[in-house]
Amino acid sequence: MAKLLPTLESRLRAILRGRQLRSDRLVAEDQDLADVKLRYLREVDIFRDLTHEEMAWLKDTTEMVLYEAGRVIYDQEDPAEVLFILKTGRVQLYRLSPEGKKLEIATLSPGTFFGDMPLLGERMHHTFAEAIEESLICIMRREDLERVILKKPQVAMRMLEVLSNRLTATQSRLEALAFQNVRTRLAGALLRLVDDDAVRATHQELAETIGAYRETVTKMLDEFQREGLVDLSRMRITLRDMGRLAAVAGR
C-alpha cells in the first residue's frame, strides 16, 4: 500500500486524531487529504470495478477515523451495521470467554474490511474489534454498501471470497487448538504472521493468537532463540530459519 508523504501524514494525524470527519469537511479543510482518501479507497481490491465517478461518490459517503493503538472499535453490544475498511495499521477481531480470556478470530492488515455485513452473512455480534496498532479506517454505512452491491454485484463476490478465506483460516486455527501442542502452534503462528522475515507482535498478542498463556509463549520463544530459529527484540521476532520452523509446525 502506498505510504503517505510525511507532511501529509502528520497533518492527517493532527486533524483526525480522536474524532470523525465527514468527507465534505475533509475536502473543505484540505483537498490534498481528500485525494489521499480517494487513493486509499482505490487500493482496496473489492472496489476495483468501480468507475471514477463511483469512487468519488464512495469517498463522499465514507468517514475516515484514526484509532489509537489499544482502542476498541466496536464491542459485542454495538448494534451498528457498518463496514470498516482498514487503510493503515492492524486490527484484531476476537471474542471473550466468560472468564475474560481472548479468543482471536483474525488479525487484519491494511487493504481489507470487517464489520457487520448481514447481506453477506457476516455479523459482528458477540465480537470485539481492537486496533493493535494506530489504525486509519474508513467507515461505510449499511445503506451505502447495499447501494454499491446492487449496482456492482462483483463487489459482493469479492467480499464473499475474502470472508470465505477468513473462515477457512479460523477453522484451521481451531483445529490447531484442538490437536497441536503449544510449540507447534507457535511455530505455525510465526510463519503465518511473518512479514519481511519478521513478526511484529507482543508475547501477549501471540498468546491470544494460539490460545496459550503469555508466560508459556515467552518460555517457548526463548527456546526457539536458543535453538537458532528466531532472534528476539522489542516488538519484533526475526525468523532465522523458516525451514526448521516449518518442520516444527508440521508443514
Protein backbone atom coordinates (compact mmCIF):
# COMPACT_ATOMS: atom_id res chain seq x y z
CA MET A 1 0.00 0.00 0.00
CA ALA A 2 1.29 3.46 -0.89
CA LYS A 3 2.75 5.28 2.08
CA LEU A 4 1.56 8.77 3.00
CA LEU A 5 4.10 11.54 2.40
CA PRO A 6 5.47 12.55 5.82
CA THR A 7 3.97 16.06 5.67
CA LEU A 8 0.54 14.77 4.67
CA GLU A 9 0.68 12.02 7.26
CA SER A 10 1.43 14.42 10.10
CA ARG A 11 -1.35 16.76 9.03
CA LEU A 12 -3.78 13.85 8.70
CA ARG A 13 -2.94 12.62 12.20
CA ALA A 14 -3.39 16.11 13.64
CA ILE A 15 -6.80 16.57 12.01
CA LEU A 16 -8.22 13.09 12.51
CA ARG A 17 -6.96 12.06 15.95
CA GLY A 18 -9.86 11.05 18.18
CA ARG A 19 -12.71 12.33 16.03
CA GLN A 20 -14.58 11.59 12.82
CA LEU A 21 -14.59 13.77 9.72
CA ARG A 22 -17.24 13.65 7.06
CA SER A 23 -15.69 13.76 3.62
CA ASP A 24 -17.24 17.16 2.74
CA ARG A 25 -15.42 18.67 5.74
CA LEU A 26 -12.27 16.89 4.70
CA VAL A 27 -12.48 18.41 1.22
CA ALA A 28 -13.26 21.84 2.68
CA GLU A 29 -10.26 21.73 5.00
CA ASP A 30 -7.70 20.31 2.61
CA GLN A 31 -8.16 18.95 -0.90
CA ASP A 32 -4.87 17.04 -0.63
CA LEU A 33 -6.26 14.96 2.25
CA ALA A 34 -9.39 14.18 0.22
CA ASP A 35 -7.15 12.98 -2.59
CA VAL A 36 -5.28 10.74 -0.14
CA LYS A 37 -8.58 9.22 0.97
CA LEU A 38 -9.63 8.57 -2.63
CA ARG A 39 -6.29 6.93 -3.39
CA TYR A 40 -6.68 4.68 -0.36
CA LEU A 41 -10.14 3.53 -1.46
CA ARG A 42 -8.88 2.79 -4.97
CA GLU A 43 -6.30 0.43 -3.48
CA VAL A 44 -8.98 -1.74 -1.81
CA ASP A 45 -9.36 -4.80 -4.03
CA ILE A 46 -13.12 -5.25 -3.58
CA PHE A 47 -13.73 -1.82 -5.18
CA ARG A 48 -11.56 -2.29 -8.27
CA ASP A 49 -14.57 -2.50 -10.63
CA LEU A 50 -15.95 0.91 -9.63
CA THR A 51 -15.75 3.76 -12.11
CA HIS A 52 -14.07 7.09 -11.36
CA GLU A 53 -17.48 8.65 -10.62
CA GLU A 54 -18.47 5.76 -8.35
CA MET A 55 -15.19 6.04 -6.45
CA ALA A 56 -15.77 9.77 -6.00
CA TRP A 57 -19.21 9.01 -4.59
CA LEU A 58 -17.71 6.37 -2.27
CA LYS A 59 -15.20 8.93 -1.00
CA ASP A 60 -18.01 11.34 -0.21
CA THR A 61 -20.12 8.76 1.67
CA THR A 62 -17.41 7.29 3.92
CA GLU A 63 -15.92 8.71 7.10
CA MET A 64 -12.24 8.43 7.96
CA VAL A 65 -11.20 7.85 11.57
CA LEU A 66 -7.79 7.44 13.19
CA TYR A 67 -7.89 4.93 16.06
CA GLU A 68 -5.09 4.85 18.60
CA ALA A 69 -3.45 1.53 19.50
CA GLY A 70 -5.49 -0.30 22.12
CA ARG A 71 -8.78 1.40 21.28
CA VAL A 72 -11.82 -0.86 20.89
CA ILE A 73 -13.50 -0.04 17.57
CA TYR A 74 -16.66 -1.94 18.44
CA ASP A 75 -17.72 -4.45 21.08
CA GLN A 76 -20.26 -7.24 21.39
CA GLU A 77 -23.03 -4.83 22.39
CA ASP A 78 -22.59 -2.49 19.42
CA PRO A 79 -25.77 -2.50 17.29
CA ALA A 80 -24.29 -0.57 14.35
CA GLU A 81 -24.44 -2.11 10.89
CA VAL A 82 -21.41 -0.65 9.16
CA LEU A 83 -18.43 -1.69 7.09
CA PHE A 84 -14.93 -0.80 8.31
CA ILE A 85 -12.19 -0.56 5.66
CA LEU A 86 -8.69 -0.80 7.13
CA LYS A 87 -6.24 1.57 5.44
CA THR A 88 -3.19 1.52 7.75
CA GLY A 89 -2.33 -0.30 10.96
CA ARG A 90 -3.61 -3.66 12.25
CA VAL A 91 -6.90 -4.69 13.83
CA GLN A 92 -7.63 -7.79 15.91
CA LEU A 93 -11.05 -9.44 15.89
CA TYR A 94 -11.73 -11.57 18.97
CA ARG A 95 -14.29 -12.95 21.38
CA LEU A 96 -14.15 -13.19 25.15
CA SER A 97 -14.80 -16.29 27.22
CA PRO A 98 -16.99 -15.98 30.34
CA GLU A 99 -13.70 -15.84 32.29
CA GLY A 100 -12.48 -12.91 30.17
CA LYS A 101 -9.92 -14.82 28.10
CA LYS A 102 -9.47 -13.66 24.50
CA LEU A 103 -10.10 -15.99 21.56
CA GLU A 104 -8.63 -14.41 18.44
CA ILE A 105 -10.74 -14.73 15.29
CA ALA A 106 -8.43 -12.83 12.94
CA THR A 107 -5.70 -10.20 12.85
CA LEU A 108 -6.26 -7.93 9.87
CA SER A 109 -3.73 -6.00 7.81
CA PRO A 110 -4.29 -2.95 5.58
CA GLY A 111 -6.43 -3.27 2.48
CA THR A 112 -9.17 -5.47 3.94
CA PHE A 113 -12.52 -4.91 5.64
CA PHE A 114 -14.53 -6.04 8.65
CA GLY A 115 -17.75 -5.27 10.48
CA ASP A 116 -21.44 -6.08 10.37
CA MET A 117 -22.50 -7.28 6.91
CA PRO A 118 -25.79 -9.19 7.22
CA LEU A 119 -26.20 -9.12 3.44
CA LEU A 120 -23.18 -11.42 3.26
CA GLY A 121 -23.91 -13.50 6.35
CA GLU A 122 -21.25 -11.76 8.45
CA ARG A 123 -22.37 -10.48 11.86
CA MET A 124 -20.19 -8.76 14.43
CA HIS A 125 -22.42 -9.51 17.42
CA HIS A 126 -20.51 -11.16 20.31
CA THR A 127 -17.28 -9.98 18.66
CA PHE A 128 -14.77 -7.26 19.55
CA ALA A 129 -12.55 -5.32 17.16
CA GLU A 130 -9.48 -3.60 18.60
CA ALA A 131 -6.74 -1.54 16.98
CA ILE A 132 -3.48 -3.22 17.98
CA GLU A 133 -1.55 -0.50 16.15
CA GLU A 134 -2.59 3.04 15.34
CA SER A 135 -5.07 2.41 12.53
CA LEU A 136 -6.62 4.60 9.87
CA ILE A 137 -10.09 3.30 8.97
CA CYS A 138 -12.82 4.32 6.54
CA ILE A 139 -16.38 3.67 7.75
CA MET A 140 -19.23 2.90 5.35
CA ARG A 141 -22.92 2.74 6.30
CA ARG A 142 -25.01 -0.33 5.51
CA GLU A 143 -27.35 1.53 3.13
CA ASP A 144 -24.39 2.82 1.12
CA LEU A 145 -22.88 -0.66 0.95
CA GLU A 146 -26.22 -2.04 -0.27
CA ARG A 147 -26.30 0.60 -2.99
CA VAL A 148 -22.82 -0.37 -4.19
CA ILE A 149 -23.62 -4.10 -4.16
CA LEU A 150 -26.87 -3.63 -6.11
CA LYS A 151 -25.03 -1.64 -8.75
CA LYS A 152 -21.85 -3.72 -8.77
CA PRO A 153 -22.50 -7.37 -7.76
CA GLN A 154 -18.79 -8.03 -8.32
CA VAL A 155 -18.14 -6.20 -5.04
CA ALA A 156 -20.24 -8.74 -3.14
CA MET A 157 -18.50 -11.64 -4.87
CA ARG A 158 -15.07 -10.36 -3.88
CA MET A 159 -16.23 -9.74 -0.31
CA LEU A 160 -17.58 -13.29 -0.10
CA GLU A 161 -14.22 -14.62 -1.30
CA VAL A 162 -12.40 -12.71 1.44
CA LEU A 163 -14.85 -13.89 4.10
CA SER A 164 -14.54 -17.49 2.88
CA ASN A 165 -10.73 -17.34 3.16
CA ARG A 166 -11.05 -15.79 6.63
CA LEU A 167 -13.42 -18.58 7.74
CA THR A 168 -11.02 -21.24 6.42
CA ALA A 169 -8.15 -19.65 8.36
CA THR A 170 -10.27 -19.56 11.53
CA GLN A 171 -11.18 -23.22 11.15
CA SER A 172 -7.52 -24.09 10.73
CA ARG A 173 -6.64 -22.28 13.96
CA LEU A 174 -9.44 -24.05 15.82
CA GLU A 175 -8.12 -27.40 14.59
CA ALA A 176 -4.64 -26.41 15.76
CA LEU A 177 -6.01 -25.54 19.21
CA ALA A 178 -7.66 -28.94 19.42
CA PHE A 179 -4.88 -31.15 18.05
CA GLN A 180 -1.50 -29.40 18.32
CA ASN A 181 0.76 -28.57 21.25
CA VAL A 182 1.90 -25.03 22.05
CA ARG A 183 5.29 -25.42 20.37
CA THR A 184 3.69 -26.48 17.09
CA ARG A 185 1.00 -23.80 17.24
CA LEU A 186 3.53 -21.05 17.98
CA ALA A 187 5.77 -22.05 15.08
CA GLY A 188 2.76 -22.06 12.77
CA ALA A 189 1.62 -18.63 14.00
CA LEU A 190 5.07 -17.12 13.45
CA LEU A 191 5.12 -18.41 9.87
CA ARG A 192 1.59 -17.13 9.26
CA LEU A 193 2.32 -13.65 10.64
CA VAL A 194 5.79 -13.15 9.17
CA ASP A 195 6.38 -10.03 7.08
CA ASP A 196 9.81 -9.44 5.58
CA ASP A 197 11.44 -12.14 7.74
CA ALA A 198 10.00 -10.76 10.99
CA VAL A 199 6.87 -10.79 13.15
CA ARG A 200 5.75 -7.61 14.89
CA ALA A 201 3.77 -8.76 17.91
CA THR A 202 3.97 -8.84 21.67
CA HIS A 203 4.15 -12.11 23.56
CA GLN A 204 0.63 -11.41 24.82
CA GLU A 205 -0.70 -10.99 21.26
CA LEU A 206 0.92 -14.27 20.22
CA ALA A 207 -0.55 -15.98 23.28
CA GLU A 208 -4.03 -14.78 22.34
CA THR A 209 -3.49 -15.91 18.75
CA ILE A 210 -2.63 -19.50 19.67
CA GLY A 211 -4.77 -19.86 22.82
CA ALA A 212 -1.93 -20.10 25.34
CA TYR A 213 -0.66 -18.23 28.40
CA ARG A 214 1.81 -15.38 27.84
CA GLU A 215 4.35 -16.98 30.17
CA THR A 216 4.23 -20.18 28.12
CA VAL A 217 4.78 -18.27 24.87
CA THR A 218 7.71 -16.35 26.37
CA LYS A 219 9.34 -19.60 27.52
CA MET A 220 8.83 -21.21 24.10
CA LEU A 221 10.25 -18.18 22.24
CA ASP A 222 13.33 -18.31 24.47
CA GLU A 223 13.71 -21.98 23.46
CA PHE A 224 13.34 -21.06 19.78
CA GLN A 225 16.07 -18.44 20.19
CA ARG A 226 18.45 -20.89 21.88
CA GLU A 227 17.83 -23.31 19.01
CA GLY A 228 18.70 -20.63 16.45
CA LEU A 229 15.20 -20.45 15.00
CA VAL A 230 14.47 -16.81 15.91
CA ASP A 231 16.05 -13.62 17.23
CA LEU A 232 14.08 -11.68 19.84
CA SER A 233 13.94 -7.92 20.28
CA ARG A 234 11.34 -5.42 21.47
CA MET A 235 8.09 -5.89 19.48
CA ARG A 236 10.00 -7.81 16.79
CA ILE A 237 10.73 -11.50 16.28
CA THR A 238 13.11 -12.17 13.40
CA LEU A 239 12.77 -15.63 11.86
CA ARG A 240 16.26 -17.03 11.26
CA ASP A 241 15.38 -20.49 9.94
CA MET A 242 11.94 -20.75 8.35
CA GLY A 243 12.64 -24.24 7.08
CA ARG A 244 13.16 -25.63 10.57
CA LEU A 245 10.23 -23.62 11.90
CA ALA A 246 8.06 -25.16 9.20
CA ALA A 247 9.18 -28.59 10.34
CA VAL A 248 8.23 -27.70 13.93
CA ALA A 249 4.84 -26.53 12.65
CA GLY A 250 4.33 -29.86 10.89
CA ARG A 251 4.36 -28.42 7.38
